[in-house]
Amino acid sequence: MHKRARAFLFYHGTIPLHELPMKFAIAVFSPAHAPSSRRALRYAEAVLASGHEIARLFFYQDGVHSASANVVAPQDELDVAGQWRAFIEAQQLDAVVCIAAALRRGVLDEAEANRYQRPAVNLPKPWELSGLGQLHEAAQVADRLVCFGGD
């Protein structure tokens, strides 16, 4: 490495900071069929493949549809909702669905279906309903918060 370039590297002990693993929080605001949801999934896969960590995945606004067990992708399209579920289960990630956004869009776990006396549950494991505070906490814990989709 050129001497001049090396002068701008920062070190933690003997490891250059740019080589340390980072923690990412990823927020998904778009539904599973949107290109930004697919990009978010590919980004999350790349984060882990690069040796980094995902502190939390947070699904908000129309992104909560990715968690619904009732999403059916047409035969000629990718099942991004199914890919999200498989990825989260395989990597054992913390995947949070905003409860307010989910209720507004009819995405319910068993507790909320009982609470609101609805006949169907469509939020299976590994998803967890929780509040917007979970996104705030993830942003505090992570080195980077990366958002996909939304207005």
N, C-alpha and C. Protein backbone atom coordinates (compact mmCIF):
# COMPACT_ATOMS: atom_id res chain seq x y z
N MET A 1 0.85 -1.17 0.00
CA MET A 1 0.00 0.00 0.00
C MET A 1 0.89 1.24 0.00
N HIS A 2 0.49 2.21 -0.72
CA HIS A 2 1.22 3.47 -0.82
C HIS A 2 1.29 4.15 0.55
N LYS A 3 2.45 4.75 0.89
CA LYS A 3 2.62 5.38 2.20
C LYS A 3 1.54 6.43 2.48
N ARG A 4 1.23 7.21 1.50
CA ARG A 4 0.26 8.28 1.70
C ARG A 4 -1.13 7.70 2.03
N ALA A 5 -1.52 6.64 1.34
CA ALA A 5 -2.82 6.02 1.59
C ALA A 5 -2.87 5.39 2.98
N ARG A 6 -1.77 4.80 3.42
CA ARG A 6 -1.72 4.15 4.71
C ARG A 6 -1.89 5.15 5.85
N ALA A 7 -1.52 6.37 5.64
CA ALA A 7 -1.63 7.38 6.69
C ALA A 7 -3.08 7.64 7.08
N PHE A 8 -4.02 7.28 6.22
CA PHE A 8 -5.42 7.54 6.51
C PHE A 8 -6.16 6.33 7.06
N LEU A 9 -5.47 5.22 7.28
CA LEU A 9 -6.11 4.05 7.87
C LEU A 9 -6.15 4.20 9.39
N PHE A 10 -7.23 3.77 9.98
CA PHE A 10 -7.37 3.79 11.42
C PHE A 10 -7.32 2.35 11.91
N TYR A 11 -6.73 2.15 13.07
CA TYR A 11 -6.53 0.80 13.58
C TYR A 11 -7.20 0.62 14.93
N HIS A 12 -7.67 -0.61 15.15
CA HIS A 12 -8.17 -1.05 16.45
C HIS A 12 -7.20 -2.16 16.86
N GLY A 13 -6.28 -1.84 17.73
CA GLY A 13 -5.21 -2.78 18.02
C GLY A 13 -4.34 -2.90 16.80
N THR A 14 -4.24 -4.11 16.26
CA THR A 14 -3.43 -4.32 15.05
C THR A 14 -4.29 -4.53 13.81
N ILE A 15 -5.62 -4.43 13.96
CA ILE A 15 -6.52 -4.68 12.83
C ILE A 15 -7.01 -3.35 12.27
N PRO A 16 -6.85 -3.14 10.96
CA PRO A 16 -7.41 -1.92 10.36
C PRO A 16 -8.93 -1.90 10.56
N LEU A 17 -9.48 -0.75 10.89
CA LEU A 17 -10.91 -0.64 11.16
C LEU A 17 -11.77 -1.10 9.98
N HIS A 18 -11.30 -0.88 8.76
CA HIS A 18 -12.11 -1.29 7.61
C HIS A 18 -12.20 -2.81 7.47
N GLU A 19 -11.41 -3.55 8.24
CA GLU A 19 -11.47 -5.01 8.19
C GLU A 19 -12.29 -5.60 9.33
N LEU A 20 -12.73 -4.78 10.28
CA LEU A 20 -13.54 -5.28 11.40
C LEU A 20 -14.97 -5.56 10.93
N PRO A 21 -15.57 -6.61 11.48
CA PRO A 21 -16.97 -6.87 11.13
C PRO A 21 -17.87 -5.76 11.67
N MET A 22 -18.91 -5.46 10.92
CA MET A 22 -19.85 -4.41 11.31
C MET A 22 -21.21 -5.03 11.59
N LYS A 23 -22.01 -4.32 12.37
CA LYS A 23 -23.39 -4.71 12.64
C LYS A 23 -24.31 -3.84 11.81
N PHE A 24 -25.25 -4.49 11.13
CA PHE A 24 -26.21 -3.78 10.29
C PHE A 24 -27.62 -3.99 10.82
N ALA A 25 -28.40 -2.94 10.78
CA ALA A 25 -29.85 -3.03 10.97
C ALA A 25 -30.44 -2.73 9.60
N ILE A 26 -31.37 -3.55 9.17
CA ILE A 26 -31.96 -3.40 7.85
C ILE A 26 -33.47 -3.22 8.01
N ALA A 27 -33.98 -2.14 7.43
CA ALA A 27 -35.41 -1.86 7.47
C ALA A 27 -35.98 -2.00 6.06
N VAL A 28 -37.08 -2.74 5.96
CA VAL A 28 -37.72 -2.98 4.66
C VAL A 28 -39.11 -2.34 4.71
N PHE A 29 -39.35 -1.38 3.82
CA PHE A 29 -40.60 -0.63 3.78
C PHE A 29 -41.50 -1.04 2.62
N SER A 30 -41.03 -1.88 1.72
CA SER A 30 -41.79 -2.20 0.51
C SER A 30 -42.27 -3.65 0.54
N PRO A 31 -43.38 -3.94 -0.17
CA PRO A 31 -43.91 -5.30 -0.18
C PRO A 31 -42.98 -6.26 -0.92
N ALA A 32 -43.23 -7.54 -0.73
CA ALA A 32 -42.35 -8.57 -1.28
C ALA A 32 -42.22 -8.50 -2.80
N HIS A 33 -43.26 -8.08 -3.50
CA HIS A 33 -43.20 -8.06 -4.97
C HIS A 33 -42.43 -6.86 -5.52
N ALA A 34 -42.04 -5.92 -4.67
CA ALA A 34 -41.32 -4.73 -5.14
C ALA A 34 -39.83 -5.02 -5.33
N PRO A 35 -39.22 -4.40 -6.32
CA PRO A 35 -37.78 -4.60 -6.54
C PRO A 35 -36.93 -4.27 -5.31
N SER A 36 -37.33 -3.28 -4.54
CA SER A 36 -36.52 -2.90 -3.37
C SER A 36 -36.53 -3.99 -2.30
N SER A 37 -37.57 -4.79 -2.22
CA SER A 37 -37.58 -5.90 -1.27
C SER A 37 -36.58 -6.97 -1.69
N ARG A 38 -36.52 -7.25 -3.00
CA ARG A 38 -35.52 -8.21 -3.50
C ARG A 38 -34.11 -7.68 -3.27
N ARG A 39 -33.91 -6.38 -3.49
CA ARG A 39 -32.59 -5.78 -3.25
C ARG A 39 -32.21 -5.87 -1.78
N ALA A 40 -33.18 -5.66 -0.90
CA ALA A 40 -32.92 -5.76 0.53
C ALA A 40 -32.49 -7.17 0.92
N LEU A 41 -33.16 -8.16 0.35
CA LEU A 41 -32.80 -9.55 0.63
C LEU A 41 -31.39 -9.85 0.13
N ARG A 42 -31.08 -9.46 -1.09
CA ARG A 42 -29.73 -9.69 -1.63
C ARG A 42 -28.68 -8.95 -0.81
N TYR A 43 -29.01 -7.75 -0.36
CA TYR A 43 -28.09 -6.97 0.47
C TYR A 43 -27.84 -7.70 1.79
N ALA A 44 -28.90 -8.20 2.41
CA ALA A 44 -28.76 -8.93 3.68
C ALA A 44 -27.90 -10.17 3.49
N GLU A 45 -28.10 -10.89 2.39
CA GLU A 45 -27.28 -12.07 2.11
C GLU A 45 -25.82 -11.67 1.95
N ALA A 46 -25.56 -10.56 1.26
CA ALA A 46 -24.19 -10.09 1.05
C ALA A 46 -23.54 -9.63 2.35
N VAL A 47 -24.32 -9.02 3.23
CA VAL A 47 -23.79 -8.60 4.53
C VAL A 47 -23.23 -9.80 5.28
N LEU A 48 -24.02 -10.87 5.36
CA LEU A 48 -23.56 -12.06 6.08
C LEU A 48 -22.42 -12.76 5.35
N ALA A 49 -22.49 -12.82 4.03
CA ALA A 49 -21.42 -13.46 3.24
C ALA A 49 -20.10 -12.73 3.39
N SER A 50 -20.15 -11.44 3.71
CA SER A 50 -18.94 -10.64 3.88
C SER A 50 -18.39 -10.70 5.30
N GLY A 51 -19.01 -11.51 6.15
CA GLY A 51 -18.52 -11.66 7.51
C GLY A 51 -19.06 -10.64 8.50
N HIS A 52 -20.07 -9.90 8.09
CA HIS A 52 -20.68 -8.92 8.98
C HIS A 52 -21.88 -9.55 9.68
N GLU A 53 -22.54 -8.78 10.53
CA GLU A 53 -23.65 -9.27 11.34
C GLU A 53 -24.89 -8.42 11.08
N ILE A 54 -26.04 -9.06 11.14
CA ILE A 54 -27.30 -8.32 11.06
C ILE A 54 -27.90 -8.29 12.46
N ALA A 55 -27.96 -7.10 13.03
CA ALA A 55 -28.51 -6.94 14.38
C ALA A 55 -30.01 -7.19 14.38
N ARG A 56 -30.69 -6.70 13.35
CA ARG A 56 -32.14 -6.89 13.27
C ARG A 56 -32.63 -6.55 11.87
N LEU A 57 -33.63 -7.29 11.44
CA LEU A 57 -34.40 -6.96 10.24
C LEU A 57 -35.72 -6.40 10.73
N PHE A 58 -36.12 -5.24 10.21
CA PHE A 58 -37.36 -4.62 10.65
C PHE A 58 -38.23 -4.36 9.44
N PHE A 59 -39.44 -4.91 9.45
CA PHE A 59 -40.37 -4.77 8.34
C PHE A 59 -41.46 -3.79 8.74
N TYR A 60 -41.60 -2.72 7.96
CA TYR A 60 -42.47 -1.61 8.30
C TYR A 60 -43.30 -1.20 7.08
N GLN A 61 -44.37 -0.48 7.29
CA GLN A 61 -45.27 -0.05 6.22
C GLN A 61 -45.67 -1.27 5.39
N ASP A 62 -45.60 -1.19 4.06
CA ASP A 62 -45.99 -2.32 3.22
C ASP A 62 -45.01 -3.49 3.30
N GLY A 63 -43.86 -3.28 3.91
CA GLY A 63 -42.90 -4.37 4.10
C GLY A 63 -43.45 -5.50 4.96
N VAL A 64 -44.47 -5.22 5.77
CA VAL A 64 -45.05 -6.26 6.63
C VAL A 64 -45.69 -7.38 5.80
N HIS A 65 -46.07 -7.09 4.56
CA HIS A 65 -46.66 -8.12 3.70
C HIS A 65 -45.67 -9.25 3.43
N SER A 66 -44.38 -8.99 3.51
CA SER A 66 -43.37 -10.04 3.31
C SER A 66 -43.48 -11.13 4.37
N ALA A 67 -44.03 -10.78 5.53
CA ALA A 67 -44.15 -11.73 6.63
C ALA A 67 -45.44 -12.54 6.58
N SER A 68 -46.39 -12.13 5.79
CA SER A 68 -47.69 -12.80 5.76
C SER A 68 -47.58 -14.19 5.13
N ALA A 69 -48.19 -15.15 5.78
CA ALA A 69 -48.23 -16.51 5.24
C ALA A 69 -49.19 -16.61 4.06
N ASN A 70 -49.97 -15.57 3.82
CA ASN A 70 -50.97 -15.60 2.75
C ASN A 70 -50.47 -15.03 1.43
N VAL A 71 -49.23 -14.59 1.36
CA VAL A 71 -48.70 -14.06 0.11
C VAL A 71 -48.43 -15.23 -0.84
N VAL A 72 -49.01 -15.15 -2.03
CA VAL A 72 -48.80 -16.17 -3.05
C VAL A 72 -48.22 -15.48 -4.28
N ALA A 73 -47.01 -15.86 -4.63
CA ALA A 73 -46.37 -15.28 -5.81
C ALA A 73 -46.85 -16.01 -7.06
N PRO A 74 -47.09 -15.29 -8.14
CA PRO A 74 -47.44 -15.95 -9.40
C PRO A 74 -46.32 -16.91 -9.83
N GLN A 75 -46.68 -17.91 -10.61
CA GLN A 75 -45.72 -18.93 -11.01
C GLN A 75 -44.53 -18.38 -11.78
N ASP A 76 -44.71 -17.27 -12.47
CA ASP A 76 -43.62 -16.72 -13.27
C ASP A 76 -42.81 -15.66 -12.52
N GLU A 77 -43.03 -15.52 -11.21
CA GLU A 77 -42.29 -14.54 -10.41
C GLU A 77 -41.59 -15.23 -9.25
N LEU A 78 -40.57 -14.58 -8.75
CA LEU A 78 -39.87 -15.09 -7.57
C LEU A 78 -40.76 -14.96 -6.34
N ASP A 79 -40.69 -15.94 -5.47
CA ASP A 79 -41.42 -15.88 -4.20
C ASP A 79 -40.51 -15.22 -3.17
N VAL A 80 -40.44 -13.90 -3.21
CA VAL A 80 -39.53 -13.17 -2.34
C VAL A 80 -39.94 -13.31 -0.88
N ALA A 81 -41.24 -13.33 -0.60
CA ALA A 81 -41.69 -13.52 0.78
C ALA A 81 -41.20 -14.87 1.31
N GLY A 82 -41.30 -15.90 0.50
CA GLY A 82 -40.80 -17.22 0.89
C GLY A 82 -39.29 -17.23 1.05
N GLN A 83 -38.59 -16.49 0.18
CA GLN A 83 -37.14 -16.40 0.29
C GLN A 83 -36.74 -15.68 1.58
N TRP A 84 -37.47 -14.62 1.94
CA TRP A 84 -37.19 -13.93 3.20
C TRP A 84 -37.34 -14.91 4.37
N ARG A 85 -38.46 -15.65 4.39
CA ARG A 85 -38.72 -16.58 5.49
C ARG A 85 -37.61 -17.62 5.58
N ALA A 86 -37.23 -18.21 4.45
CA ALA A 86 -36.18 -19.23 4.45
C ALA A 86 -34.84 -18.65 4.91
N PHE A 87 -34.51 -17.46 4.45
CA PHE A 87 -33.26 -16.80 4.82
C PHE A 87 -33.22 -16.53 6.33
N ILE A 88 -34.30 -16.00 6.86
CA ILE A 88 -34.36 -15.67 8.29
C ILE A 88 -34.25 -16.93 9.13
N GLU A 89 -34.95 -17.98 8.73
CA GLU A 89 -34.88 -19.24 9.48
C GLU A 89 -33.49 -19.86 9.39
N ALA A 90 -32.91 -19.89 8.21
CA ALA A 90 -31.59 -20.51 8.03
C ALA A 90 -30.50 -19.77 8.80
N GLN A 91 -30.60 -18.45 8.84
CA GLN A 91 -29.57 -17.64 9.51
C GLN A 91 -29.93 -17.33 10.96
N GLN A 92 -31.11 -17.74 11.40
CA GLN A 92 -31.60 -17.50 12.77
C GLN A 92 -31.51 -16.01 13.12
N LEU A 93 -32.11 -15.19 12.26
CA LEU A 93 -32.06 -13.74 12.43
C LEU A 93 -33.24 -13.22 13.23
N ASP A 94 -33.05 -12.06 13.83
CA ASP A 94 -34.09 -11.35 14.55
C ASP A 94 -34.91 -10.58 13.51
N ALA A 95 -36.12 -11.05 13.23
CA ALA A 95 -36.97 -10.43 12.21
C ALA A 95 -38.23 -9.88 12.87
N VAL A 96 -38.33 -8.57 12.90
CA VAL A 96 -39.43 -7.89 13.60
C VAL A 96 -40.36 -7.24 12.58
N VAL A 97 -41.65 -7.42 12.80
CA VAL A 97 -42.69 -6.81 11.98
C VAL A 97 -43.37 -5.75 12.84
N CYS A 98 -43.46 -4.53 12.33
CA CYS A 98 -44.09 -3.44 13.08
C CYS A 98 -45.55 -3.80 13.35
N ILE A 99 -45.92 -3.81 14.62
CA ILE A 99 -47.27 -4.24 14.99
C ILE A 99 -48.35 -3.30 14.45
N ALA A 100 -48.13 -2.00 14.50
CA ALA A 100 -49.14 -1.06 14.02
C ALA A 100 -49.35 -1.21 12.51
N ALA A 101 -48.26 -1.32 11.76
CA ALA A 101 -48.36 -1.49 10.31
C ALA A 101 -48.99 -2.84 9.98
N ALA A 102 -48.66 -3.87 10.75
CA ALA A 102 -49.21 -5.20 10.50
C ALA A 102 -50.71 -5.24 10.76
N LEU A 103 -51.14 -4.68 11.87
CA LEU A 103 -52.58 -4.68 12.19
C LEU A 103 -53.36 -3.92 11.12
N ARG A 104 -52.82 -2.80 10.69
CA ARG A 104 -53.49 -1.99 9.66
C ARG A 104 -53.65 -2.76 8.36
N ARG A 105 -52.75 -3.72 8.11
CA ARG A 105 -52.77 -4.46 6.85
C ARG A 105 -53.27 -5.90 7.03
N GLY A 106 -53.79 -6.22 8.21
CA GLY A 106 -54.36 -7.54 8.44
C GLY A 106 -53.36 -8.65 8.61
N VAL A 107 -52.14 -8.33 9.03
CA VAL A 107 -51.12 -9.34 9.29
C VAL A 107 -51.13 -9.58 10.80
N LEU A 108 -51.58 -10.79 11.21
CA LEU A 108 -51.83 -11.07 12.62
C LEU A 108 -51.13 -12.33 13.09
N ASP A 109 -50.56 -12.27 14.29
CA ASP A 109 -50.09 -13.49 14.94
C ASP A 109 -51.25 -14.02 15.78
N GLU A 110 -51.04 -15.12 16.48
CA GLU A 110 -52.14 -15.74 17.23
C GLU A 110 -52.67 -14.83 18.32
N ALA A 111 -51.79 -14.16 19.04
CA ALA A 111 -52.22 -13.29 20.14
C ALA A 111 -53.09 -12.14 19.63
N GLU A 112 -52.68 -11.52 18.53
CA GLU A 112 -53.45 -10.38 17.99
C GLU A 112 -54.76 -10.84 17.35
N ALA A 113 -54.76 -12.00 16.72
CA ALA A 113 -56.00 -12.54 16.15
C ALA A 113 -57.02 -12.79 17.26
N ASN A 114 -56.56 -13.34 18.38
CA ASN A 114 -57.45 -13.55 19.52
C ASN A 114 -57.90 -12.23 20.12
N ARG A 115 -56.99 -11.31 20.27
CA ARG A 115 -57.29 -10.00 20.88
C ARG A 115 -58.37 -9.26 20.10
N TYR A 116 -58.27 -9.29 18.78
CA TYR A 116 -59.23 -8.57 17.93
C TYR A 116 -60.32 -9.48 17.38
N GLN A 117 -60.39 -10.71 17.90
CA GLN A 117 -61.41 -11.69 17.53
C GLN A 117 -61.48 -11.89 16.01
N ARG A 118 -60.33 -12.15 15.44
CA ARG A 118 -60.25 -12.43 14.01
C ARG A 118 -60.05 -13.94 13.83
N PRO A 119 -60.61 -14.51 12.76
CA PRO A 119 -60.58 -15.96 12.60
C PRO A 119 -59.26 -16.53 12.09
N ALA A 120 -58.39 -15.70 11.55
CA ALA A 120 -57.20 -16.24 10.89
C ALA A 120 -55.91 -15.66 11.45
N VAL A 121 -54.91 -16.51 11.49
CA VAL A 121 -53.55 -16.13 11.86
C VAL A 121 -52.71 -16.27 10.60
N ASN A 122 -51.98 -15.23 10.24
CA ASN A 122 -51.16 -15.32 9.02
C ASN A 122 -49.73 -14.83 9.23
N LEU A 123 -49.29 -14.78 10.48
CA LEU A 123 -47.90 -14.40 10.78
C LEU A 123 -47.22 -15.58 11.48
N PRO A 124 -46.57 -16.43 10.71
CA PRO A 124 -45.91 -17.60 11.30
C PRO A 124 -44.53 -17.24 11.87
N LYS A 125 -43.94 -18.20 12.55
CA LYS A 125 -42.55 -18.05 12.96
C LYS A 125 -41.73 -18.05 11.68
N PRO A 126 -40.64 -17.39 11.57
CA PRO A 126 -39.80 -16.79 12.59
C PRO A 126 -40.11 -15.33 12.89
N TRP A 127 -41.18 -14.79 12.32
CA TRP A 127 -41.49 -13.37 12.48
C TRP A 127 -41.99 -13.07 13.88
N GLU A 128 -41.74 -11.84 14.33
CA GLU A 128 -42.20 -11.40 15.64
C GLU A 128 -42.83 -10.02 15.49
N LEU A 129 -44.03 -9.86 16.05
CA LEU A 129 -44.67 -8.54 16.08
C LEU A 129 -44.11 -7.73 17.22
N SER A 130 -43.79 -6.49 16.96
CA SER A 130 -43.31 -5.60 18.01
C SER A 130 -43.44 -4.16 17.52
N GLY A 131 -43.11 -3.22 18.39
CA GLY A 131 -43.29 -1.82 18.08
C GLY A 131 -42.11 -1.18 17.37
N LEU A 132 -42.34 0.06 16.98
CA LEU A 132 -41.33 0.85 16.27
C LEU A 132 -40.08 1.07 17.11
N GLY A 133 -40.21 0.95 18.42
CA GLY A 133 -39.05 1.07 19.31
C GLY A 133 -37.96 0.06 18.98
N GLN A 134 -38.37 -1.09 18.41
CA GLN A 134 -37.38 -2.11 18.02
C GLN A 134 -36.47 -1.61 16.90
N LEU A 135 -37.02 -0.79 16.01
CA LEU A 135 -36.19 -0.20 14.95
C LEU A 135 -35.22 0.81 15.56
N HIS A 136 -35.71 1.59 16.49
CA HIS A 136 -34.86 2.57 17.16
C HIS A 136 -33.72 1.87 17.90
N GLU A 137 -34.05 0.81 18.63
CA GLU A 137 -33.03 0.06 19.36
C GLU A 137 -32.00 -0.54 18.40
N ALA A 138 -32.47 -1.09 17.30
CA ALA A 138 -31.56 -1.68 16.31
C ALA A 138 -30.62 -0.63 15.75
N ALA A 139 -31.15 0.57 15.50
CA ALA A 139 -30.31 1.66 14.98
C ALA A 139 -29.25 2.06 15.99
N GLN A 140 -29.56 1.96 17.28
CA GLN A 140 -28.59 2.31 18.31
C GLN A 140 -27.49 1.26 18.45
N VAL A 141 -27.86 0.00 18.27
CA VAL A 141 -26.92 -1.11 18.43
C VAL A 141 -26.03 -1.29 17.20
N ALA A 142 -26.60 -1.00 16.03
CA ALA A 142 -25.89 -1.27 14.77
C ALA A 142 -24.92 -0.15 14.42
N ASP A 143 -23.95 -0.51 13.59
CA ASP A 143 -23.03 0.48 13.03
C ASP A 143 -23.69 1.22 11.87
N ARG A 144 -24.60 0.52 11.16
CA ARG A 144 -25.28 1.10 10.01
C ARG A 144 -26.74 0.69 10.01
N LEU A 145 -27.61 1.64 9.69
CA LEU A 145 -29.02 1.37 9.44
C LEU A 145 -29.24 1.59 7.95
N VAL A 146 -29.68 0.54 7.26
CA VAL A 146 -29.91 0.63 5.82
C VAL A 146 -31.39 0.37 5.56
N CYS A 147 -32.03 1.29 4.84
CA CYS A 147 -33.47 1.20 4.58
C CYS A 147 -33.72 0.95 3.10
N PHE A 148 -34.73 0.14 2.82
CA PHE A 148 -35.11 -0.19 1.45
C PHE A 148 -36.59 0.08 1.25
N GLY A 149 -36.93 0.83 0.20
CA GLY A 149 -38.31 1.10 -0.16
C GLY A 149 -38.89 2.27 0.61
N GLY A 150 -40.19 2.40 0.53
CA GLY A 150 -40.88 3.49 1.22
C GLY A 150 -41.03 4.70 0.34
N ASP A 151 -41.74 5.68 0.88
CA ASP A 151 -41.99 6.91 0.13
C ASP A 151 -41.00 7.99 0.49
